[in-house]
C-alpha atoms as a PDB file:
ATOM      1  CA  MET A   1     -37.493  15.379  11.789  1.00  0.00           C
ATOM      2  CA  LYS A   2     -40.278  18.943  13.241  1.00  0.00           C
ATOM      3  CA  ARG A   3     -41.298  18.075   9.657  1.00  0.00           C
ATOM      4  CA  GLN A   4     -42.516  14.334  10.983  1.00  0.00           C
ATOM      5  CA  ILE A   5     -43.577  15.476  14.956  1.00  0.00           C
ATOM      6  CA  MET A   6     -45.495  17.865  13.448  1.00  0.00           C
ATOM      7  CA  GLY A   7     -46.990  15.948  10.857  1.00  0.00           C
ATOM      8  CA  ARG A   8     -48.776  18.144   6.754  1.00  0.00           C
ATOM      9  CA  GLU A   9     -51.754  17.669   7.109  1.00  0.00           C
ATOM     10  CA  VAL A  10     -55.110  19.153   8.329  1.00  0.00           C
ATOM     11  CA  VAL A  11     -59.175  18.113   8.356  1.00  0.00           C
ATOM     12  CA  VAL A  12     -61.342  20.550   9.017  1.00  0.00           C
ATOM     13  CA  ALA A  13     -64.857  20.187   9.486  1.00  0.00           C
ATOM     14  CA  VAL A  14     -66.735  22.915   7.159  1.00  0.00           C
ATOM     15  CA  THR A  15     -70.194  23.579   9.393  1.00  0.00           C
ATOM     16  CA  ASP A  16     -72.659  26.816   8.329  1.00  0.00           C
ATOM     17  CA  GLY A  17     -69.670  27.478   5.359  1.00  0.00           C
ATOM     18  CA  LYS A  18     -67.004  28.780   8.388  1.00  0.00           C
ATOM     19  CA  LEU A  19     -64.046  26.480   9.831  1.00  0.00           C
ATOM     20  CA  ASP A  20     -65.874  24.059  12.493  1.00  0.00           C
ATOM     21  CA  PHE A  21     -63.169  23.989  15.186  1.00  0.00           C
ATOM     22  CA  GLY A  22     -62.895  23.063  18.701  1.00  0.00           C
ATOM     23  CA  THR A  23     -61.890  25.062  21.521  1.00  0.00           C
ATOM     24  CA  TRP A  24     -58.253  24.850  20.726  1.00  0.00           C
ATOM     25  CA  GLU A  25     -58.022  23.933  17.798  1.00  0.00           C
ATOM     26  CA  GLN A  26     -56.200  25.791  14.638  1.00  0.00           C
ATOM     27  CA  ILE A  27     -54.270  25.900  11.953  1.00  0.00           C
ATOM     28  CA  PHE A  28     -50.833  27.326  12.197  1.00  0.00           C
ATOM     29  CA  TYR A  29     -47.571  27.326   9.082  1.00  0.00           C
ATOM     30  CA  GLY A  30     -44.049  26.565  10.335  1.00  0.00           C
ATOM     31  CA  GLU A  31     -41.530  26.161   8.189  1.00  0.00           C
ATOM     32  CA  PHE A  32     -38.512  24.237   9.072  1.00  0.00           C
ATOM     33  CA  ASP A  33     -36.177  24.734   5.630  1.00  0.00           C
ATOM     34  CA  VAL A  34     -35.383  26.414   3.004  1.00  0.00           C
ATOM     35  CA  LYS A  35     -38.195  28.429   1.171  1.00  0.00           C
ATOM     36  CA  ARG A  36     -40.144  26.730  -1.664  1.00  0.00           C
ATOM     37  CA  LYS A  37     -42.931  26.351  -3.492  1.00  0.00           C
ATOM     38  CA  LYS A  38     -46.144  25.684  -1.409  1.00  0.00           C
ATOM     39  CA  ARG A  39     -49.378  24.175  -2.996  1.00  0.00           C
ATOM     40  CA  VAL A  40     -52.217  24.050  -0.954  1.00  0.00           C
ATOM     41  CA  LEU A  41     -55.086  20.638  -1.789  1.00  0.00           C
ATOM     42  CA  VAL A  42     -58.165  21.062  -1.087  1.00  0.00           C
ATOM     43  CA  LYS A  43     -60.771  17.446  -0.405  1.00  0.00           C
ATOM     44  CA  ILE A  44     -64.675  19.083   0.110  1.00  0.00           C
ATOM     45  CA  ILE A  45     -66.545  14.890   1.240  1.00  0.00           C
ATOM     46  CA  GLY A  46     -70.242  14.669   1.759  1.00  0.00           C
ATOM     47  CA  GLU A  47     -72.790  16.696   1.156  1.00  0.00           C
END
C-alpha cells in the first residue's frame, strides 16, 4: 500500500550537468519491505 501511495519512479530535469530541482523538490528512498536487490534505470531524453 505504501509503495502505491509513494510511487516508484521519479523524473528529474538535468541542466548544465546538474539535477534541476525546484525549491521544494528532493529525492529520497524508503524501504517499506524486506531488503531485496535493487536496480536503477536511467533514461536520457533530449539533446
